[in-house]
Structures are given as structure tokens and as C-alpha cells.
Amino acid sequence: MVTFLLASNPIHGHVGPIVQVAAHLVREGHRVTVLTGTRFREQVASVGAHFRALGGVADYDDRRPDLYLPERVNYSGVRRAQYDIRTIFIETIPDQYAAVAEAIAQVRPDAVLVDSAFGGVLPLLDRDAARPPILALGVTPLSQSSRVLGPYGLALPPTRGVLDRARYAALNLVARRVVFRPTQKAAVHALARCGVGPRGFVMDLSRRLDRFLQTGPVGLEYPRPDLSPDTYFVGVLPQTSSAAPLPAWWGDLDAARPVVHVTQGTIDNHDYGRLVRPALAALADRDVTVVVSAGGRAVRELGPLPDNARAADYLPYDALLPRTDVFVTNGGYGGVQAALAAGVPVVVAGDTEDKPEVAARVAWSGAGVDLRTGTPDPAAISRAVDAVLSDPSYRSAARRLAADAAEHDALAEITHHLLTTRGA
């Protein structure tokens, strides 16, 4: 039996994969402690792992951005992204570090696994020679810098020639020295509070870990000739089977007409006018069945549904995706991975957090359409869905990614890396 400490930012899309790994490790007979936000206490306990809570500003409720991102409304575009990164991932470092250092001292784990944006381990990497191995699980698109890529966050495809490479080199310089200078300064201040200095660009955390385990189909990620040798692709985490009863209309999905699934995920779903309602309007007169997940909210909050639409507060992806022809989403990385692993092409409309990078990768892979906005109009959604349904190249690309994902057993590979870093 081996002892593991897992840690995550208290964000649904980050905690979910970490808890899934924790559940697998518990089933394998290991001792597991999960350090994250208080609101996930029951979810952690339900898989048989021990729960520890983050403290201070690191223990926020991701369902209430009005509380933990109070000034977000004052920013837009890149400046909003900077504000989000500083507030969520940089200013929380001292409290994360205090919690993870205390957990290591008390739990004495053989290895530590954190989500890819958990900056609280940075002081440990810099200062503690006696620390256990520290690995990270990539739960967002890989942000590792490269000479063939532009700055992360600008949703740029890989370079296509000498001119692109020169332009991207200039953009990377500007990003580090100008655009993300306030973010780097915030990181310097946060690390100083932990008693260490900065080492390199804070946005390049993936190169610093003992091993970095990136989720997702390999073919969805941009190729890098200068990829860190400690970066490994582990595939897509499997969809867990759900015992929840299926809605009464489930049999409607067996009809001959295509099924289009529409979702805004479980967090960014307070305003259905951003994607769900425009999608319902766009597809109301189409010979398709539109299936909407309310992301845990009450279905009545969606408003009136067209005759060809069905909705539920929650839908099990292990049952839904094999029946889906097109997945329309705001770009949550976990949902996009699940769709592609099932061979379902994707239409993405996302403009917050990492969603533009997710959308750009989908378009680059050929497995879907990037609408390049988080608030598309019905006409744009209609054109994109029609294109995906009529052009077989999208489904062919999605199936290639599904075959790619099928070559991996993500949970087994993650466990292997955790065990081998400790010399087992």
C-alpha cells in the first residue's frame, strides 16, 4: 500500500479529474488524501479518500465568481484573462503552499499529484530537497511554451513557416515582458511571501514538475519539437457510469434523425443566452433532435423549448455521447475530450478561461468548428452544425482522435507514473 496526496484548485473542471484519479487509487488499495476546496468535501469522501481543506483565499466557491472575482466585470479580453489568472492561480499560492506543506508533513505521502494550475507546489520545487516527487495532471490544454507556438491564451495555431516563427517569437517576447508582466510581478510577490524567488516564467509551470501528465488525445495537442522530456500524454479519463434514471424522453434519441447535444457545462451556465438559447433558436426548424443539459440547474430555467428539443438537469455522457452526432459546447476541456473520445465532432463557442485554446485546437485538428466567440448568434450556430453534419471530414477527424484516445488507459498510466517516480 502506497500513500498519495492529491491537490486541486477548487474548480469543478480541475477537481473532477483529480477525484477520479483518487477513486482509482483507492480501488487499487492505496491510501489517498485529497486537498481542495471545502465545497468538495462530500465528493472526495464518497470515493473513499481522506479530505483536507485549503485555507484562506485558496478556499473559494467556484460557483460564485461574483465573490472570488469581484472586479471581473471591469475587464475584457486579454486583460480579463490576466485578472482571472492573477486572482485564481497566483494570489492563492501562499495559502495553497501553507496547506500543501502542512499536508505533506502530516500525511507523509510517497508522491504528490496536483492539477496543472496548482501553483502552491512551486515553493516546494524550489526549496525542499527532501520533498516527495511532485507530478501534475494537465486538465487544460497544454500551456508549455515552444519556439513553434505563439503565446498561450491567444488561440494561435502552430507556425507554418519562417515568417510565422519570427512573428510568434516577437509575440512571445511581448507577452512575457508587457502583456503578462503584471501577472509575473504578482507571482514574484506571491512566491516572496513563501520565502522563495521566481524561477522562469510563471505561465510555464509544466516544465518544472518531476513529471507532467497531460490528458486528452495526443492528436488534439499541438506538436512541439521542444517538448519537455518529463511531459507524458496519458489519454482521456473514462466517463464514469451513471446509475441515475434516464429521462422519460430518452427513447426519442433512437429515431433516425441526428442528435445535437448542447451544453454550457456546470459552471458557466448562469446565462443561457450565451449559447444554449441561441442554439435552440438556430436548430428549432432543423430535422434534428436537440438535447440540452442544464448543467445541474432546473430545466424550467431554460425557458420554453422548441418541439424538437429535449432537456434534463443532468445527462450521463457514457450513455448520451454514443447517440450524439454533433456536440455544441462553450469549450469546457473535459466535455470536449469526452466527445472526441467518443468520436463525436464538436462546435465550440467559448471566450473565457482556457476555452479559446480548446476551440482553436478543435479547429486545428479538423474535428470541429471554432465559432471564435462565447456569444454566437443563431445563424452562426446553424451554419456550423450544418457544416459538421454535411461534411464527413469532421466526423472522420473525430474518429481519428477517438482511436488515439483508445490507445491509452489513462487511470492505469497515471498510476504507473505515480508509482515509478517513487522508485516502486
Protein backbone atom coordinates (compact mmCIF):
# COMPACT_ATOMS: atom_id res chain seq x y z
CA MET A 1 0.00 0.00 0.00
CA VAL A 2 1.31 3.42 -1.04
CA THR A 3 0.31 6.82 0.34
CA PHE A 4 -0.59 9.59 -2.11
CA LEU A 5 -1.50 13.24 -1.66
CA LEU A 6 -3.60 14.80 -4.42
CA ALA A 7 -4.33 18.55 -4.57
CA SER A 8 -6.51 20.71 -6.75
CA ASN A 9 -7.73 24.23 -7.19
CA PRO A 10 -11.37 24.25 -6.02
CA ILE A 11 -12.73 24.45 -9.58
CA HIS A 12 -15.16 21.81 -10.81
CA GLY A 13 -13.22 21.05 -14.01
CA HIS A 14 -9.99 20.64 -12.03
CA VAL A 15 -11.37 18.73 -9.05
CA GLY A 16 -13.31 16.21 -11.13
CA PRO A 17 -10.26 14.59 -12.79
CA ILE A 18 -8.27 14.62 -9.52
CA VAL A 19 -11.11 12.91 -7.64
CA GLN A 20 -11.45 10.38 -10.45
CA VAL A 21 -7.77 9.51 -10.06
CA ALA A 22 -8.22 9.36 -6.28
CA ALA A 23 -11.09 6.90 -6.66
CA HIS A 24 -8.96 4.65 -8.87
CA LEU A 25 -6.05 4.73 -6.44
CA VAL A 26 -8.38 3.82 -3.56
CA ARG A 27 -9.75 0.89 -5.57
CA GLU A 28 -6.16 -0.22 -6.13
CA GLY A 29 -5.71 -0.38 -2.35
CA HIS A 30 -3.68 2.80 -1.76
CA ARG A 31 -4.07 5.44 0.95
CA VAL A 32 -5.23 8.71 -0.64
CA THR A 33 -5.70 12.21 0.73
CA VAL A 34 -7.21 14.97 -1.41
CA LEU A 35 -6.55 18.63 -0.64
CA THR A 36 -9.02 21.05 -2.22
CA GLY A 37 -11.89 23.45 -1.50
CA THR A 38 -14.39 22.88 1.30
CA ARG A 39 -17.33 22.55 -1.07
CA PHE A 40 -15.89 19.30 -2.46
CA ARG A 41 -15.64 17.55 0.93
CA GLU A 42 -18.50 15.12 0.26
CA GLN A 43 -17.36 14.36 -3.28
CA VAL A 44 -13.91 13.38 -2.00
CA ALA A 45 -15.29 11.32 0.87
CA SER A 46 -17.66 9.47 -1.48
CA VAL A 47 -14.72 7.79 -3.27
CA GLY A 48 -13.09 6.65 -0.03
CA ALA A 49 -10.32 9.26 0.10
CA HIS A 50 -9.46 11.43 3.09
CA PHE A 51 -10.36 15.10 2.67
CA ARG A 52 -8.27 18.11 3.68
CA ALA A 53 -9.42 21.68 3.11
CA LEU A 54 -7.47 24.54 1.61
CA GLY A 55 -7.45 27.73 3.65
CA GLY A 56 -7.60 31.49 3.21
CA VAL A 57 -8.24 32.89 -0.25
CA ALA A 58 -7.42 29.49 -1.78
CA ASP A 59 -10.68 28.05 -0.42
CA TYR A 60 -13.25 29.77 -2.64
CA ASP A 61 -16.52 28.56 -4.17
CA ASP A 62 -16.18 28.38 -7.95
CA ARG A 63 -19.96 28.69 -8.29
CA ARG A 64 -19.75 32.28 -7.02
CA PRO A 65 -17.43 34.26 -9.32
CA ASP A 66 -19.06 37.43 -8.02
CA LEU A 67 -17.35 36.72 -4.70
CA TYR A 68 -13.90 35.43 -5.70
CA LEU A 69 -13.59 37.51 -8.90
CA PRO A 70 -15.32 40.70 -7.71
CA GLU A 71 -13.67 43.04 -10.23
CA ARG A 72 -14.00 40.80 -13.27
CA VAL A 73 -16.77 42.92 -14.79
CA ASN A 74 -14.26 45.76 -15.14
CA TYR A 75 -12.09 43.81 -17.59
CA SER A 76 -12.46 42.22 -21.01
CA GLY A 77 -10.36 40.22 -23.47
CA VAL A 78 -6.74 39.58 -22.53
CA ARG A 79 -6.98 41.89 -19.50
CA ARG A 80 -9.82 39.76 -18.12
CA ALA A 81 -7.73 36.62 -18.66
CA GLN A 82 -4.85 38.24 -16.76
CA TYR A 83 -7.15 39.25 -13.92
CA ASP A 84 -8.57 35.73 -13.69
CA ILE A 85 -5.10 34.13 -13.69
CA ARG A 86 -3.74 36.51 -11.06
CA THR A 87 -6.74 36.19 -8.77
CA ILE A 88 -7.43 32.47 -9.06
CA PHE A 89 -3.99 30.94 -9.63
CA ILE A 90 -1.33 33.43 -8.45
CA GLU A 91 -2.66 35.26 -5.40
CA THR A 92 -3.75 31.92 -3.93
CA ILE A 93 -0.20 30.48 -4.00
CA PRO A 94 0.76 31.40 -0.40
CA ASP A 95 -2.36 29.81 1.11
CA GLN A 96 -2.06 26.79 -1.18
CA TYR A 97 1.59 26.39 -0.20
CA ALA A 98 0.79 26.56 3.50
CA ALA A 99 -1.89 23.89 3.11
CA VAL A 100 0.12 21.51 0.92
CA ALA A 101 3.28 21.85 3.04
CA GLU A 102 1.29 21.03 6.18
CA ALA A 103 -0.38 18.11 4.42
CA ILE A 104 2.97 16.68 3.29
CA ALA A 105 4.36 16.98 6.82
CA GLN A 106 1.37 15.20 8.35
CA VAL A 107 0.38 12.70 5.64
CA ARG A 108 3.97 11.89 4.58
CA PRO A 109 2.98 10.85 1.05
CA ASP A 110 5.16 8.77 -1.23
CA ALA A 111 4.16 11.02 -4.16
CA VAL A 112 2.05 14.11 -4.78
CA LEU A 113 -0.24 14.76 -7.75
CA VAL A 114 -1.67 18.25 -8.32
CA ASP A 115 -3.81 19.74 -11.03
CA SER A 116 -1.80 21.58 -13.68
CA ALA A 117 -2.60 25.05 -12.32
CA PHE A 118 -1.90 24.38 -8.63
CA GLY A 119 0.89 26.89 -8.09
CA GLY A 120 1.15 26.17 -4.38
CA VAL A 121 3.78 23.49 -5.08
CA LEU A 122 6.20 25.98 -6.69
CA PRO A 123 7.93 26.88 -3.39
CA LEU A 124 8.42 23.17 -2.68
CA LEU A 125 10.09 22.64 -6.05
CA ASP A 126 12.48 25.50 -5.34
CA ARG A 127 13.35 24.91 -1.71
CA ASP A 128 12.68 21.48 -0.24
CA ALA A 129 15.27 18.90 -1.32
CA ALA A 130 13.66 16.24 0.89
CA ARG A 131 10.22 16.57 -0.66
CA PRO A 132 8.35 13.66 -2.24
CA PRO A 133 8.07 13.51 -6.05
CA ILE A 134 5.57 16.08 -7.35
CA LEU A 135 3.61 15.40 -10.52
CA ALA A 136 0.90 17.40 -12.23
CA LEU A 137 -2.16 16.34 -14.20
CA GLY A 138 -2.90 18.52 -17.22
CA VAL A 139 -6.63 19.29 -17.00
CA THR A 140 -6.48 22.17 -19.51
CA PRO A 141 -4.80 22.40 -22.93
CA LEU A 142 -1.03 22.17 -22.56
CA SER A 143 0.39 25.66 -21.97
CA GLN A 144 4.06 24.69 -22.29
CA SER A 145 5.96 27.30 -24.29
CA SER A 146 7.60 26.35 -27.60
CA ARG A 147 9.54 28.01 -30.37
CA VAL A 148 6.83 26.93 -32.85
CA LEU A 149 3.87 28.29 -30.89
CA GLY A 150 2.50 31.70 -30.06
CA PRO A 151 1.71 32.88 -26.52
CA TYR A 152 -0.78 30.73 -24.65
CA GLY A 153 -4.17 32.41 -24.50
CA LEU A 154 -4.13 33.96 -27.97
CA ALA A 155 -5.51 30.77 -29.57
CA LEU A 156 -2.94 30.76 -32.38
CA PRO A 157 -2.23 27.61 -34.45
CA PRO A 158 1.34 26.29 -34.79
CA THR A 159 3.74 28.12 -37.08
CA ARG A 160 3.54 27.34 -40.80
CA GLY A 161 6.84 28.83 -41.92
CA VAL A 162 9.72 31.20 -41.23
CA LEU A 163 7.54 34.30 -41.19
CA ASP A 164 5.15 32.79 -38.64
CA ARG A 165 8.08 31.74 -36.46
CA ALA A 166 9.51 35.26 -36.45
CA ARG A 167 6.10 36.76 -35.69
CA TYR A 168 5.43 34.30 -32.87
CA ALA A 169 8.86 34.93 -31.37
CA ALA A 170 8.05 38.64 -31.22
CA LEU A 171 4.61 37.94 -29.76
CA ASN A 172 6.10 35.69 -27.08
CA LEU A 173 8.57 38.41 -26.11
CA VAL A 174 5.79 40.98 -25.87
CA ALA A 175 3.61 38.58 -23.91
CA ARG A 176 6.27 37.92 -21.30
CA ARG A 177 7.62 41.47 -20.97
CA VAL A 178 4.47 43.51 -21.50
CA VAL A 179 1.14 41.67 -21.61
CA PHE A 180 1.80 39.27 -18.73
CA ARG A 181 4.23 41.50 -16.85
CA PRO A 182 1.63 42.27 -14.12
CA THR A 183 0.98 38.52 -13.78
CA GLN A 184 4.69 37.77 -13.42
CA LYS A 185 5.06 40.58 -10.86
CA ALA A 186 2.15 39.12 -8.90
CA ALA A 187 3.89 35.74 -8.97
CA VAL A 188 7.14 37.25 -7.70
CA HIS A 189 5.25 38.83 -4.82
CA ALA A 190 3.33 35.63 -4.02
CA LEU A 191 6.47 33.48 -4.04
CA ALA A 192 8.33 36.01 -1.90
CA ARG A 193 5.62 35.54 0.72
CA CYS A 194 6.54 31.84 0.66
CA GLY A 195 10.23 32.63 1.13
CA VAL A 196 11.43 31.81 -2.41
CA GLY A 197 12.24 33.71 -5.56
CA PRO A 198 10.88 33.16 -9.08
CA ARG A 199 12.44 30.69 -11.50
CA GLY A 200 11.38 31.41 -15.04
CA PHE A 201 8.01 32.46 -16.42
CA VAL A 202 5.16 31.52 -14.09
CA MET A 203 2.95 30.51 -17.03
CA ASP A 204 5.40 27.71 -17.89
CA LEU A 205 4.77 25.57 -14.82
CA SER A 206 4.59 22.32 -16.81
CA ARG A 207 8.39 22.25 -17.26
CA ARG A 208 9.01 22.45 -13.53
CA LEU A 209 7.35 19.29 -12.25
CA ASP A 210 9.03 15.91 -11.79
CA ARG A 211 6.52 14.64 -14.34
CA PHE A 212 3.72 16.38 -16.17
CA LEU A 213 0.86 14.10 -17.24
CA GLN A 214 -1.25 15.70 -19.97
CA THR A 215 -4.77 14.42 -20.53
CA GLY A 216 -6.52 14.38 -23.89
CA PRO A 217 -5.97 12.71 -27.26
CA VAL A 218 -2.39 13.32 -28.42
CA GLY A 219 -3.73 14.43 -31.79
CA LEU A 220 -5.67 17.28 -30.17
CA GLU A 221 -2.48 18.88 -28.88
CA TYR A 222 -0.08 20.91 -31.00
CA PRO A 223 3.19 19.09 -31.78
CA ARG A 224 6.25 20.58 -30.11
CA PRO A 225 9.79 19.68 -31.23
CA ASP A 226 10.99 21.10 -27.91
CA LEU A 227 8.52 19.30 -25.62
CA SER A 228 9.88 18.81 -22.12
CA PRO A 229 11.17 15.22 -21.69
CA ASP A 230 9.20 14.95 -18.43
CA THR A 231 5.88 15.55 -20.22
CA TYR A 232 3.77 12.47 -20.96
CA PHE A 233 0.41 12.10 -22.69
CA VAL A 234 -1.88 9.75 -20.77
CA GLY A 235 -5.09 9.81 -22.81
CA VAL A 236 -8.65 10.66 -21.83
CA LEU A 237 -10.08 9.87 -18.42
CA PRO A 238 -13.04 7.49 -18.89
CA GLN A 239 -16.64 8.58 -18.47
CA THR A 240 -17.98 7.12 -15.24
CA SER A 241 -21.13 5.03 -15.48
CA SER A 242 -24.19 6.69 -14.01
CA ALA A 243 -26.93 4.95 -12.06
CA ALA A 244 -29.22 7.98 -12.38
CA PRO A 245 -32.56 7.26 -14.09
CA LEU A 246 -32.79 8.32 -17.72
CA PRO A 247 -35.37 10.96 -18.66
CA ALA A 248 -38.75 9.81 -19.96
CA TRP A 249 -37.95 11.11 -23.46
CA TRP A 250 -34.76 9.01 -23.83
CA GLY A 251 -36.36 6.76 -26.42
CA ASP A 252 -36.69 9.77 -28.76
CA LEU A 253 -32.93 9.55 -29.35
CA ASP A 254 -33.38 6.26 -31.18
CA ALA A 255 -35.13 7.98 -34.09
CA ALA A 256 -33.39 8.23 -37.45
CA ARG A 257 -32.71 11.96 -37.30
CA PRO A 258 -29.39 13.35 -35.99
CA VAL A 259 -28.91 14.22 -32.31
CA VAL A 260 -27.27 17.54 -31.43
CA HIS A 261 -26.20 17.91 -27.80
CA VAL A 262 -25.93 21.47 -26.46
CA THR A 263 -24.35 22.43 -23.14
CA GLN A 264 -22.75 25.30 -21.25
CA GLY A 265 -21.24 22.95 -18.70
CA THR A 266 -21.81 23.07 -14.96
CA ILE A 267 -20.19 26.39 -14.01
CA ASP A 268 -20.51 28.94 -16.82
CA ASN A 269 -24.23 28.32 -17.18
CA HIS A 270 -25.78 31.23 -15.30
CA ASP A 271 -26.73 32.95 -18.55
CA TYR A 272 -28.22 30.52 -21.07
CA GLY A 273 -28.45 33.42 -23.50
CA ARG A 274 -24.75 33.00 -24.27
CA LEU A 275 -25.08 29.67 -26.10
CA VAL A 276 -27.99 27.40 -25.16
CA ARG A 277 -30.87 29.66 -26.16
CA PRO A 278 -29.23 30.83 -29.42
CA ALA A 279 -28.60 27.16 -30.26
CA LEU A 280 -32.23 26.25 -29.56
CA ALA A 281 -33.34 29.08 -31.85
CA ALA A 282 -30.83 28.10 -34.54
CA LEU A 283 -31.96 24.48 -34.67
CA ALA A 284 -35.68 24.83 -33.99
CA ASP A 285 -36.63 24.29 -37.66
CA ARG A 286 -34.00 21.63 -38.38
CA ASP A 287 -34.73 17.92 -38.76
CA VAL A 288 -32.63 17.12 -35.69
CA THR A 289 -33.24 16.27 -32.07
CA VAL A 290 -31.65 18.86 -29.80
CA VAL A 291 -30.66 17.57 -26.37
CA VAL A 292 -29.80 20.16 -23.72
CA SER A 293 -28.14 19.58 -20.37
CA ALA A 294 -28.98 22.29 -17.86
CA GLY A 295 -25.71 21.60 -16.05
CA GLY A 296 -27.36 20.79 -12.74
CA ARG A 297 -29.82 23.68 -12.83
CA ALA A 298 -33.59 23.27 -13.04
CA VAL A 299 -34.80 22.59 -16.59
CA ARG A 300 -37.53 25.23 -16.25
CA GLU A 301 -34.81 27.90 -16.20
CA LEU A 302 -34.13 27.14 -19.87
CA GLY A 303 -37.50 28.63 -20.78
CA PRO A 304 -39.83 27.28 -23.49
CA LEU A 305 -38.31 24.55 -25.65
CA PRO A 306 -38.90 24.07 -29.40
CA ASP A 307 -40.78 20.92 -30.40
CA ASN A 308 -37.56 19.19 -31.48
CA ALA A 309 -35.73 19.87 -28.19
CA ARG A 310 -35.39 17.74 -25.07
CA ALA A 311 -33.74 18.75 -21.80
CA ALA A 312 -32.66 17.42 -18.42
CA ASP A 313 -30.86 18.91 -15.46
CA TYR A 314 -28.15 16.25 -15.86
CA LEU A 315 -27.32 13.77 -18.62
CA PRO A 316 -24.87 10.82 -18.33
CA TYR A 317 -22.26 11.16 -21.07
CA ASP A 318 -21.45 7.47 -21.10
CA ALA A 319 -24.99 6.90 -22.38
CA LEU A 320 -25.55 10.13 -24.33
CA LEU A 321 -22.39 10.54 -26.42
CA PRO A 322 -22.72 7.24 -28.35
CA ARG A 323 -26.10 8.60 -29.55
CA THR A 324 -24.80 12.09 -30.40
CA ASP A 325 -23.94 13.36 -33.89
CA VAL A 326 -22.76 16.89 -33.00
CA PHE A 327 -21.62 18.32 -29.66
CA VAL A 328 -22.23 22.08 -29.26
CA THR A 329 -20.35 23.45 -26.25
CA ASN A 330 -18.80 26.53 -24.68
CA GLY A 331 -15.49 24.69 -24.65
CA GLY A 332 -15.03 23.01 -21.28
CA TYR A 333 -11.94 20.86 -21.76
CA GLY A 334 -13.35 17.79 -20.02
CA GLY A 335 -16.54 17.76 -22.09
CA VAL A 336 -14.66 18.29 -25.36
CA GLN A 337 -12.28 15.43 -24.51
CA ALA A 338 -15.23 13.16 -23.73
CA ALA A 339 -16.94 13.98 -27.03
CA LEU A 340 -13.82 13.43 -29.11
CA ALA A 341 -13.01 10.20 -27.29
CA ALA A 342 -16.46 9.04 -28.39
CA GLY A 343 -15.77 10.11 -31.99
CA VAL A 344 -18.27 13.00 -31.88
CA PRO A 345 -17.35 16.20 -33.81
CA VAL A 346 -17.60 19.48 -31.92
CA VAL A 347 -18.82 23.05 -32.38
CA VAL A 348 -17.16 25.33 -29.81
CA ALA A 349 -18.26 28.80 -28.71
CA GLY A 350 -16.07 29.89 -25.79
CA ASP A 351 -14.24 33.08 -24.87
CA THR A 352 -13.34 32.71 -21.17
CA GLU A 353 -10.56 30.94 -19.25
CA ASP A 354 -8.88 28.32 -21.47
CA LYS A 355 -11.87 27.92 -23.79
CA PRO A 356 -10.39 29.84 -26.78
CA GLU A 357 -7.38 27.49 -26.67
CA VAL A 358 -9.70 24.47 -26.57
CA ALA A 359 -11.68 25.82 -29.53
CA ALA A 360 -8.54 26.56 -31.55
CA ARG A 361 -7.24 23.02 -31.04
CA VAL A 362 -10.56 21.52 -32.13
CA ALA A 363 -10.48 23.55 -35.36
CA TRP A 364 -6.78 22.77 -35.97
CA SER A 365 -7.42 19.03 -35.55
CA GLY A 366 -10.24 19.14 -38.12
CA ALA A 367 -12.68 17.59 -35.63
CA GLY A 368 -14.97 20.59 -35.37
CA VAL A 369 -15.69 24.28 -35.81
CA ASP A 370 -14.42 27.21 -33.73
CA LEU A 371 -17.05 29.98 -33.67
CA ARG A 372 -14.44 32.36 -32.20
CA THR A 373 -16.88 33.89 -29.72
CA GLY A 374 -18.62 32.99 -26.49
CA THR A 375 -21.88 34.58 -27.61
CA PRO A 376 -22.63 33.32 -31.13
CA ASP A 377 -25.81 34.31 -32.93
CA PRO A 378 -28.25 31.63 -34.12
CA ALA A 379 -27.19 32.00 -37.76
CA ALA A 380 -23.54 31.18 -36.91
CA ILE A 381 -24.54 28.14 -34.88
CA SER A 382 -26.86 26.95 -37.64
CA ARG A 383 -24.13 27.20 -40.27
CA ALA A 384 -21.62 25.38 -38.07
CA VAL A 385 -23.96 22.49 -37.22
CA ASP A 386 -24.99 22.16 -40.88
CA ALA A 387 -21.34 22.06 -41.91
CA VAL A 388 -20.46 19.35 -39.39
CA LEU A 389 -23.46 17.23 -40.34
CA SER A 390 -22.89 17.55 -44.09
CA ASP A 391 -19.09 17.27 -44.28
CA PRO A 392 -17.85 13.78 -43.31
CA SER A 393 -14.30 15.07 -42.72
CA TYR A 394 -15.29 16.39 -39.28
CA ARG A 395 -16.51 13.01 -38.07
CA SER A 396 -13.52 11.29 -39.65
CA ALA A 397 -11.17 13.57 -37.72
CA ALA A 398 -13.12 13.00 -34.50
CA ARG A 399 -12.89 9.25 -35.02
CA ARG A 400 -9.12 9.51 -35.53
CA LEU A 401 -8.90 11.24 -32.16
CA ALA A 402 -11.15 8.58 -30.62
CA ALA A 403 -8.79 5.88 -31.92
CA ASP A 404 -5.89 7.89 -30.47
CA ALA A 405 -7.59 8.06 -27.06
CA ALA A 406 -8.39 4.35 -27.15
CA GLU A 407 -4.68 3.52 -27.24
CA HIS A 408 -4.35 4.75 -23.65
CA ASP A 409 -5.67 3.60 -20.29
CA ALA A 410 -5.46 6.97 -18.57
CA LEU A 411 -6.03 5.84 -15.00
CA ALA A 412 -3.56 2.97 -15.29
CA GLU A 413 -0.92 5.22 -16.88
CA ILE A 414 -1.32 7.92 -14.22
CA THR A 415 -0.97 5.29 -11.51
CA HIS A 416 2.15 3.91 -13.22
CA HIS A 417 3.78 7.34 -13.24
CA LEU A 418 2.93 7.94 -9.57
CA LEU A 419 4.43 4.61 -8.57
CA THR A 420 7.57 4.83 -10.71
CA THR A 421 8.52 8.33 -9.54
CA ARG A 422 8.81 6.95 -6.02
CA GLY A 423 11.05 4.11 -7.18
CA ALA A 424 8.44 1.37 -6.77
